[in-house]
Amino acid sequence: MSGLPLEGIRVIEMGQIVAGPTAGLLLGDMGADVIKVEPPDAGKESRMGNMRNGAFFYFNRNKRGIVIDLAAAEGKEVALRLIKGADVLIENLAPGSMDRLGLGYEQASAANPRLIYCSLKGYLKGPYAARPLMDEPGQMASGLAYMTGPPGQPMRAGASVVDMGAATYSVLGIMAALMQREKTGKGQRITGGLFETALFYVGQHMATAQFTGEPSQPIRAQRHSGKRKGTAIYDLFTCKDDKQVFIGIVSDGQWKRICPVFGMEDLRADPAYDHNPGRAERHDILKQRISDVCMRHTRNEIVDMLDAADVCVAPLHSPSSVLEEDPHVNSPGRTLPVRIGDKDGKLPPMPYESSAYNFEVRRSAPKEPGRDSVEILRELGYTDAQAQALAAKGVVKGPGLPTGAVKGA
C-alpha cells in the first residue's frame, strides 16, 4: 500500500472551536481532502470559534479553507455544490442551526444519498437533546470532574478531552459508515455526543460502584484509603532540583527491583512488604523513604535510576517543557513540522503508527479565512467572473476576490 488510507475521500467541515475541527483534522491527517467552510466574519474577535489563535493552527492542519455566507441563498447553493461532491460532512453548530440554513441531514442526503453526515452535539437523543453543551460543563455533568479533583473540589482535565474524544468516536463512526457504504451504496447519519463521551470515560467508575455497592469517590480520595491496594505507591515526588517525578510501584516485581536501587533492603526483607496490600497499609512509611531518596537526587537522575531498574517512572512536565526537553518527543516522527501563524513550530501527529504510511502536514491551517476559496470555487464549476460576483455580494471571501459586505452565517 502506498499513500494515505483516505486519499480520494472528500470531507466538508462546518466546524468551530475544537470538536468539529478535531474530526476534520483526524480525517485530513489520514489523507482526506478536507474543505473547511467558515463564515464571512471568521478570524474576528466576535467569532470565537474561528479566531486565529494557537489552537486553531493545531486543529486545522491538512485542510483547505473557503468562506461562505451560508445564510445567503447563493451561499447555500455553493454549499450544496460542495455537498453533492462530498463523501463526508462534519458540523458542530448549535442544535437546529443546520436545519435553519437548509443544510440539515434530510436536505443534504437528498442532494447526495451517499453522504456520511456527521453532527457533533452536546447530547444524543433524550430529554437534553436540544441543550447546548461544552467541554468543561460536560465534565462536570458526567462525573468526570468529580473523579478528577480532590474531594469537594471537582476539576476539569487540563485538555479538551471531551471535545476531542467525541470527535474521535465520531470519526470511528464515519469510518464504519464508509465501510458500510461499500456494501449498500448509501450514506447515513452519525451523531457524536459530548456528554455521552464523558459518560463513557467514567463507565469504569460506574461499574465499580455497582459491583461494590459503594458510592464513587474521587481518585485522590481512593488512592490511600485502602480501596486501591493495587497501587501502594502511585505518587508525585519532589527532587533535589525542585523538579517532580511520578513513581508507580504496582507489582511485587517492581517492589523487588526498586528496593536495592533506593537502599530499602531492610523493607524488602520484611515480609509485611511482600505484597501490595501490606505495602498499601504502610504507604506513609514507604512514601517518606522514597521522598528522602528523591531529595538527594535530581529529577533526571531518579528517572534514569528507575528506568534502568524497570520501575514505572515519569518526569512531571508542562506542555512547553515536554516539547523542549523530552528526548522521546524530540526523536524522529514524534512531532510534525508546522506553520503556526507566521512561525515555524512542531506539533504532535495522530497517536498511532502504520507500517504502510507516515503522517505529514500537507497543508498548514489557513491563516487567512478563505485562503483556498478561488481554487475550490473553480473545482465546483464557478467561473472566475462568477466567483468575483459572489465575492462582491459578500457571499464568498478570500485572497484574490473583491471585498463585499461582510455578513454573518
Protein backbone atom coordinates (compact mmCIF):
# COMPACT_ATOMS: atom_id res chain seq x y z
CA MET A 1 0.00 0.00 0.00
CA SER A 2 1.27 3.46 -0.84
CA GLY A 3 -0.14 6.82 0.21
CA LEU A 4 -2.58 7.65 2.98
CA PRO A 5 -5.69 5.50 3.55
CA LEU A 6 -8.31 8.19 2.93
CA GLU A 7 -6.89 9.63 -0.28
CA GLY A 8 -9.80 10.30 -2.64
CA ILE A 9 -12.29 10.94 0.18
CA ARG A 10 -13.66 14.49 0.28
CA VAL A 11 -14.83 15.95 3.58
CA ILE A 12 -16.77 19.18 4.10
CA GLU A 13 -16.19 20.56 7.59
CA MET A 14 -18.53 23.17 9.00
CA GLY A 15 -16.77 23.09 12.35
CA GLN A 16 -15.80 25.54 15.03
CA ILE A 17 -13.74 25.67 18.23
CA VAL A 18 -12.50 22.09 18.99
CA ALA A 19 -14.90 19.20 18.37
CA GLY A 20 -15.75 19.68 14.68
CA PRO A 21 -12.24 20.78 13.70
CA THR A 22 -10.73 17.77 15.52
CA ALA A 23 -12.85 15.39 13.45
CA GLY A 24 -11.70 17.18 10.30
CA LEU A 25 -8.09 17.06 11.50
CA LEU A 26 -8.17 13.30 12.02
CA LEU A 27 -9.65 12.64 8.59
CA GLY A 28 -7.30 15.14 6.96
CA ASP A 29 -4.25 13.58 8.57
CA MET A 30 -5.36 10.23 7.14
CA GLY A 31 -5.36 11.71 3.65
CA ALA A 32 -8.88 13.03 3.08
CA ASP A 33 -9.36 16.28 1.15
CA VAL A 34 -10.93 18.35 3.94
CA ILE A 35 -12.58 21.62 2.93
CA LYS A 36 -13.17 23.87 5.92
CA VAL A 37 -16.17 26.20 5.49
CA GLU A 38 -16.03 29.38 7.56
CA PRO A 39 -18.40 32.35 7.97
CA PRO A 40 -17.57 35.77 6.47
CA ASP A 41 -16.54 37.18 9.86
CA ALA A 42 -14.15 34.31 10.67
CA GLY A 43 -10.99 35.44 12.38
CA LYS A 44 -12.62 38.36 14.17
CA GLU A 45 -12.85 38.53 17.98
CA SER A 46 -16.63 38.34 17.71
CA ARG A 47 -16.28 34.90 16.11
CA MET A 48 -14.63 32.97 18.95
CA GLY A 49 -14.90 29.59 17.28
CA ASN A 50 -12.83 30.67 14.28
CA MET A 51 -10.27 33.00 15.86
CA ARG A 52 -6.69 32.58 14.64
CA ASN A 53 -5.17 31.56 17.98
CA GLY A 54 -2.60 28.85 18.62
CA ALA A 55 -5.21 26.12 18.97
CA PHE A 56 -6.68 26.99 15.57
CA PHE A 57 -3.40 26.19 13.85
CA TYR A 58 -3.25 22.83 15.65
CA PHE A 59 -6.79 21.66 14.90
CA ASN A 60 -6.93 22.87 11.30
CA ARG A 61 -3.87 21.50 9.54
CA ASN A 62 -4.30 19.45 6.37
CA LYS A 63 -7.39 21.40 5.31
CA ARG A 64 -8.33 23.78 2.56
CA GLY A 65 -10.36 26.82 3.54
CA ILE A 66 -13.31 28.60 1.93
CA VAL A 67 -15.51 31.39 3.31
CA ILE A 68 -19.23 31.14 2.52
CA ASP A 69 -22.19 33.08 3.87
CA LEU A 70 -24.46 30.07 4.42
CA ALA A 71 -27.40 32.33 5.29
CA ALA A 72 -27.45 33.78 1.76
CA ALA A 73 -29.35 31.89 -0.95
CA GLU A 74 -26.34 31.93 -3.25
CA GLY A 75 -24.14 30.80 -0.36
CA LYS A 76 -26.44 27.84 0.27
CA GLU A 77 -26.10 26.95 -3.44
CA VAL A 78 -22.30 26.94 -3.12
CA ALA A 79 -22.61 24.71 -0.05
CA LEU A 80 -24.94 22.30 -1.85
CA ARG A 81 -22.46 22.01 -4.73
CA LEU A 82 -19.81 21.09 -2.16
CA ILE A 83 -22.13 18.55 -0.55
CA LYS A 84 -23.02 16.89 -3.86
CA GLY A 85 -19.37 16.07 -4.45
CA ALA A 86 -18.51 15.09 -0.88
CA ASP A 87 -18.22 11.78 0.92
CA VAL A 88 -18.50 13.20 4.45
CA LEU A 89 -19.94 16.33 6.05
CA ILE A 90 -18.96 17.33 9.60
CA GLU A 91 -20.78 20.00 11.59
CA ASN A 92 -20.85 21.09 15.20
CA LEU A 93 -23.01 24.20 15.01
CA ALA A 94 -25.66 24.90 17.65
CA PRO A 95 -28.61 22.47 17.69
CA GLY A 96 -31.01 23.27 14.86
CA SER A 97 -28.65 25.64 13.02
CA MET A 98 -28.04 23.41 10.01
CA ASP A 99 -31.78 22.78 9.57
CA ARG A 100 -32.48 26.51 9.68
CA LEU A 101 -29.84 27.04 7.00
CA GLY A 102 -31.49 24.42 4.80
CA LEU A 103 -28.45 22.17 5.12
CA GLY A 104 -29.70 19.62 7.66
CA TYR A 105 -29.42 15.88 7.22
CA GLU A 106 -32.62 15.49 5.22
CA GLN A 107 -31.70 18.25 2.76
CA ALA A 108 -28.08 17.15 2.44
CA SER A 109 -28.85 13.46 1.96
CA ALA A 110 -31.47 14.34 -0.65
CA ALA A 111 -28.75 16.15 -2.59
CA ASN A 112 -26.25 13.32 -2.07
CA PRO A 113 -27.64 9.94 -0.91
CA ARG A 114 -24.10 8.58 -0.46
CA LEU A 115 -23.16 11.31 2.03
CA ILE A 116 -21.98 10.42 5.55
CA TYR A 117 -23.43 13.28 7.62
CA CYS A 118 -21.71 13.67 10.99
CA SER A 119 -23.03 16.02 13.67
CA LEU A 120 -21.27 16.67 16.97
CA LYS A 121 -23.70 17.82 19.64
CA GLY A 122 -23.85 18.33 23.38
CA TYR A 123 -26.21 15.42 23.97
CA LEU A 124 -27.52 12.48 21.98
CA LYS A 125 -31.24 11.56 21.83
CA GLY A 126 -33.08 12.07 25.09
CA PRO A 127 -34.56 14.81 27.29
CA TYR A 128 -31.47 17.01 26.89
CA ALA A 129 -31.02 16.63 23.12
CA ALA A 130 -31.78 20.29 22.39
CA ARG A 131 -29.46 21.64 25.09
CA PRO A 132 -26.13 23.18 24.15
CA LEU A 133 -23.07 21.84 25.97
CA MET A 134 -19.34 22.49 26.04
CA ASP A 135 -16.33 20.54 27.23
CA GLU A 136 -16.00 21.71 30.83
CA PRO A 137 -19.70 21.55 31.79
CA GLY A 138 -19.74 18.13 30.13
CA GLN A 139 -17.01 17.02 32.51
CA MET A 140 -18.99 18.40 35.43
CA ALA A 141 -22.35 16.87 34.47
CA SER A 142 -20.98 13.40 33.75
CA GLY A 143 -19.00 12.88 36.97
CA LEU A 144 -15.62 13.15 35.24
CA ALA A 145 -14.65 16.37 37.04
CA TYR A 146 -15.82 14.85 40.34
CA MET A 147 -13.46 11.93 39.86
CA THR A 148 -10.55 14.13 38.75
CA GLY A 149 -10.36 16.70 41.53
CA PRO A 150 -9.79 16.21 45.25
CA PRO A 151 -12.86 15.67 47.46
CA GLY A 152 -15.09 18.72 47.35
CA GLN A 153 -13.08 20.31 44.53
CA PRO A 154 -14.22 18.94 41.16
CA MET A 155 -11.64 19.73 38.50
CA ARG A 156 -11.69 19.67 34.72
CA ALA A 157 -8.96 17.85 32.83
CA GLY A 158 -6.19 20.07 31.51
CA ALA A 159 -7.14 19.47 27.87
CA SER A 160 -10.36 19.47 25.84
CA VAL A 161 -10.72 15.73 26.36
CA VAL A 162 -14.49 15.65 25.88
CA ASP A 163 -14.48 17.64 22.63
CA MET A 164 -11.55 15.68 21.22
CA GLY A 165 -12.91 12.35 22.44
CA ALA A 166 -16.34 12.98 20.92
CA ALA A 167 -14.64 13.83 17.63
CA THR A 168 -12.53 10.66 17.76
CA TYR A 169 -15.50 8.38 18.41
CA SER A 170 -17.43 10.17 15.67
CA VAL A 171 -14.59 9.53 13.24
CA LEU A 172 -14.77 5.86 14.23
CA GLY A 173 -18.46 6.00 13.27
CA ILE A 174 -17.59 7.75 9.99
CA MET A 175 -15.05 5.07 9.10
CA ALA A 176 -17.59 2.33 9.83
CA ALA A 177 -20.18 4.18 7.71
CA LEU A 178 -17.74 4.43 4.80
CA MET A 179 -17.20 0.66 5.04
CA GLN A 180 -20.95 0.02 5.09
CA ARG A 181 -21.41 2.30 2.09
CA GLU A 182 -19.15 0.00 0.11
CA LYS A 183 -21.80 -2.72 0.61
CA THR A 184 -25.02 -0.69 0.48
CA GLY A 185 -24.15 2.32 -1.67
CA LYS A 186 -25.97 4.50 0.85
CA GLY A 187 -24.80 7.12 3.31
CA GLN A 188 -26.03 7.58 6.85
CA ARG A 189 -26.15 10.00 9.75
CA ILE A 190 -23.61 9.78 12.57
CA THR A 191 -24.08 11.88 15.71
CA GLY A 192 -21.44 12.23 18.39
CA GLY A 193 -22.36 13.40 21.89
CA LEU A 194 -20.05 15.36 24.18
CA PHE A 195 -21.93 14.34 27.32
CA GLU A 196 -22.05 10.71 26.27
CA THR A 197 -18.31 10.77 25.61
CA ALA A 198 -17.63 11.97 29.14
CA LEU A 199 -20.10 9.37 30.42
CA PHE A 200 -18.18 6.67 28.55
CA TYR A 201 -14.99 7.79 30.28
CA VAL A 202 -16.48 7.28 33.75
CA GLY A 203 -18.05 3.94 32.91
CA GLN A 204 -15.29 2.13 34.81
CA HIS A 205 -16.23 4.03 37.97
CA MET A 206 -19.94 3.32 37.43
CA ALA A 207 -19.14 -0.37 37.13
CA THR A 208 -17.04 -0.32 40.30
CA ALA A 209 -19.79 1.43 42.28
CA GLN A 210 -22.39 -1.10 41.16
CA PHE A 211 -20.07 -4.04 41.78
CA THR A 212 -19.11 -2.96 45.31
CA GLY A 213 -22.37 -1.30 46.30
CA GLU A 214 -20.39 1.74 47.46
CA PRO A 215 -20.70 5.26 46.00
CA SER A 216 -17.91 6.54 43.78
CA GLN A 217 -15.13 8.51 45.42
CA PRO A 218 -12.63 10.83 43.69
CA ILE A 219 -9.42 9.14 42.57
CA ARG A 220 -7.37 11.09 45.10
CA ALA A 221 -9.61 10.01 47.95
CA GLN A 222 -9.35 6.37 46.86
CA ARG A 223 -5.62 6.27 46.48
CA HIS A 224 -4.63 5.84 50.11
CA SER A 225 -7.93 4.90 51.70
CA GLY A 226 -7.25 1.21 51.37
CA LYS A 227 -9.57 0.93 48.36
CA ARG A 228 -6.73 0.94 45.81
CA LYS A 229 -4.44 -1.70 47.23
CA GLY A 230 -3.03 -2.49 43.80
CA THR A 231 -1.16 0.82 43.83
CA ALA A 232 0.69 1.10 47.13
CA ILE A 233 2.93 3.82 45.70
CA TYR A 234 1.45 5.88 42.90
CA ASP A 235 2.62 9.34 43.80
CA LEU A 236 4.42 12.52 42.79
CA PHE A 237 7.76 13.24 44.50
CA THR A 238 9.91 16.38 44.66
CA CYS A 239 13.58 16.02 43.80
CA LYS A 240 16.81 17.81 44.73
CA ASP A 241 16.45 20.30 41.84
CA ASP A 242 12.84 21.14 42.88
CA LYS A 243 11.53 19.27 39.84
CA GLN A 244 8.99 16.50 40.34
CA VAL A 245 8.74 12.89 39.28
CA PHE A 246 5.89 10.38 39.38
CA ILE A 247 6.69 6.89 40.66
CA GLY A 248 4.38 3.91 40.45
CA ILE A 249 5.05 0.65 42.26
CA VAL A 250 2.16 -1.52 41.15
CA SER A 251 3.58 -5.04 41.28
CA ASP A 252 5.70 -7.25 43.50
CA GLY A 253 8.35 -7.35 40.78
CA GLN A 254 8.70 -3.58 40.74
CA TRP A 255 8.92 -3.55 44.53
CA LYS A 256 11.77 -6.04 44.45
CA ARG A 257 13.60 -4.00 41.84
CA ILE A 258 13.28 -0.57 43.47
CA CYS A 259 14.50 -1.67 46.91
CA PRO A 260 18.22 -2.15 46.09
CA VAL A 261 18.27 0.99 43.94
CA PHE A 262 16.73 3.14 46.70
CA GLY A 263 18.53 1.49 49.64
CA MET A 264 15.37 -0.10 51.05
CA GLU A 265 16.77 -3.62 51.55
CA ASP A 266 15.55 -3.57 55.15
CA LEU A 267 11.95 -3.14 53.96
CA ARG A 268 12.50 -5.72 51.24
CA ALA A 269 13.49 -8.22 53.93
CA ASP A 270 10.31 -7.53 55.94
CA PRO A 271 7.52 -10.00 54.95
CA ALA A 272 4.93 -7.30 55.70
CA TYR A 273 6.00 -5.55 52.49
CA ASP A 274 6.00 -8.61 50.25
CA HIS A 275 2.65 -7.87 48.62
CA ASN A 276 0.60 -4.83 47.66
CA PRO A 277 -1.97 -4.97 50.49
CA GLY A 278 0.79 -4.85 53.09
CA ARG A 279 2.62 -2.08 51.29
CA ALA A 280 -0.59 -0.09 50.97
CA GLU A 281 -1.15 -0.30 54.73
CA ARG A 282 2.35 1.13 55.20
CA HIS A 283 2.03 3.74 52.48
CA ASP A 284 3.15 6.65 54.65
CA ILE A 285 6.39 4.91 55.63
CA LEU A 286 7.14 3.98 52.05
CA LYS A 287 6.36 7.44 50.75
CA GLN A 288 8.71 9.04 53.26
CA ARG A 289 11.56 6.67 52.43
CA ILE A 290 11.17 7.29 48.72
CA SER A 291 10.86 11.04 49.28
CA ASP A 292 14.15 11.05 51.17
CA VAL A 293 15.93 9.38 48.25
CA CYS A 294 14.39 11.73 45.70
CA MET A 295 15.53 14.76 47.66
CA ARG A 296 19.14 13.57 47.32
CA HIS A 297 18.99 13.34 43.50
CA THR A 298 17.87 15.43 40.56
CA ARG A 299 14.73 14.51 38.68
CA ASN A 300 16.66 13.19 35.69
CA GLU A 301 18.85 11.06 37.95
CA ILE A 302 15.78 9.49 39.55
CA VAL A 303 14.25 8.82 36.12
CA ASP A 304 17.46 7.17 34.91
CA MET A 305 17.81 5.07 38.08
CA LEU A 306 14.26 3.72 37.97
CA ASP A 307 14.18 3.32 34.20
CA ALA A 308 17.27 1.13 34.45
CA ALA A 309 15.53 -0.89 37.17
CA ASP A 310 12.36 -1.29 35.04
CA VAL A 311 10.19 0.58 37.52
CA CYS A 312 7.35 2.81 36.31
CA VAL A 313 8.58 6.41 36.42
CA ALA A 314 7.71 9.66 34.64
CA PRO A 315 9.01 13.21 34.93
CA LEU A 316 6.43 15.93 35.54
CA HIS A 317 6.37 18.21 32.50
CA SER A 318 4.36 21.13 31.22
CA PRO A 319 3.29 21.11 27.55
CA SER A 320 6.12 23.56 26.86
CA SER A 321 8.83 21.69 28.73
CA VAL A 322 7.99 18.27 27.29
CA LEU A 323 8.20 19.76 23.80
CA GLU A 324 11.53 21.43 24.52
CA GLU A 325 13.28 18.88 26.73
CA ASP A 326 11.98 15.35 26.31
CA PRO A 327 14.27 13.11 24.18
CA HIS A 328 11.41 10.87 23.10
CA VAL A 329 9.26 13.79 21.95
CA ASN A 330 12.23 15.16 20.03
CA SER A 331 13.05 11.87 18.31
CA PRO A 332 12.14 11.36 14.62
CA GLY A 333 8.42 11.11 13.91
CA ARG A 334 7.15 12.19 17.32
CA THR A 335 6.29 15.70 16.12
CA LEU A 336 5.44 17.22 12.76
CA PRO A 337 6.94 20.47 11.44
CA VAL A 338 4.14 23.03 11.04
CA ARG A 339 3.48 26.69 10.43
CA ILE A 340 1.74 28.29 13.42
CA GLY A 341 0.64 31.61 12.03
CA ASP A 342 3.87 33.23 10.86
CA LYS A 343 6.10 30.97 12.96
CA ASP A 344 7.72 27.61 12.35
CA GLY A 345 6.79 25.08 15.01
CA LYS A 346 6.27 21.41 15.75
CA LEU A 347 3.15 19.65 16.99
CA PRO A 348 2.08 16.06 17.72
CA PRO A 349 0.82 13.81 14.92
CA MET A 350 -2.02 11.36 15.38
CA PRO A 351 -1.05 8.90 18.14
CA TYR A 352 -0.68 5.72 16.12
CA GLU A 353 1.82 4.32 13.64
CA SER A 354 1.30 2.29 10.47
CA SER A 355 3.73 0.11 8.57
CA ALA A 356 2.14 1.34 5.33
CA TYR A 357 2.33 5.14 5.60
CA ASN A 358 3.64 8.07 7.60
CA PHE A 359 1.83 11.22 8.65
CA GLU A 360 2.82 14.63 7.34
CA VAL A 361 1.49 18.16 7.15
CA ARG A 362 0.43 18.60 3.55
CA ARG A 363 -1.20 21.96 4.23
CA SER A 364 -0.84 24.29 7.18
CA ALA A 365 -4.04 25.67 8.71
CA PRO A 366 -5.43 28.58 6.68
CA LYS A 367 -4.02 31.69 8.32
CA GLU A 368 -6.35 33.88 6.27
CA PRO A 369 -10.04 32.88 6.12
CA GLY A 370 -10.93 31.74 2.62
CA ARG A 371 -7.33 31.03 1.65
CA ASP A 372 -8.44 28.44 -0.92
CA SER A 373 -11.81 29.92 -1.93
CA VAL A 374 -10.83 30.62 -5.55
CA GLU A 375 -9.39 27.13 -6.07
CA ILE A 376 -12.44 25.43 -4.56
CA LEU A 377 -14.95 27.55 -6.46
CA ARG A 378 -13.21 26.67 -9.74
CA GLU A 379 -13.45 22.97 -8.83
CA LEU A 380 -17.20 23.45 -8.26
CA GLY A 381 -17.60 24.84 -11.76
CA TYR A 382 -17.77 28.54 -11.00
CA THR A 383 -16.04 30.79 -13.49
CA ASP A 384 -13.70 33.47 -12.19
CA ALA A 385 -16.30 36.09 -13.14
CA GLN A 386 -18.98 34.26 -11.16
CA ALA A 387 -16.66 33.97 -8.15
CA GLN A 388 -15.89 37.66 -8.36
CA ALA A 389 -19.61 38.46 -8.46
CA LEU A 390 -20.32 36.27 -5.41
CA ALA A 391 -17.47 37.93 -3.52
CA ALA A 392 -18.75 41.41 -4.40
CA LYS A 393 -22.05 40.47 -2.73
CA GLY A 394 -20.27 39.16 0.40
CA VAL A 395 -21.35 35.57 -0.30
CA VAL A 396 -17.78 34.26 -0.51
CA LYS A 397 -14.45 35.69 0.57
CA GLY A 398 -10.78 35.03 0.03
CA PRO A 399 -7.47 36.32 -1.33
CA GLY A 400 -7.80 37.48 -4.92
CA LEU A 401 -11.52 38.17 -4.57
CA PRO A 402 -13.15 41.60 -4.19
CA THR A 403 -14.37 42.52 -0.72
CA GLY A 404 -18.14 42.66 -0.34
CA ALA A 405 -20.38 43.44 2.58
CA VAL A 406 -19.44 41.15 5.47
CA LYS A 407 -22.39 39.11 6.70
CA GLY A 408 -22.65 36.57 9.47
CA ALA A 409 -23.57 32.95 8.95
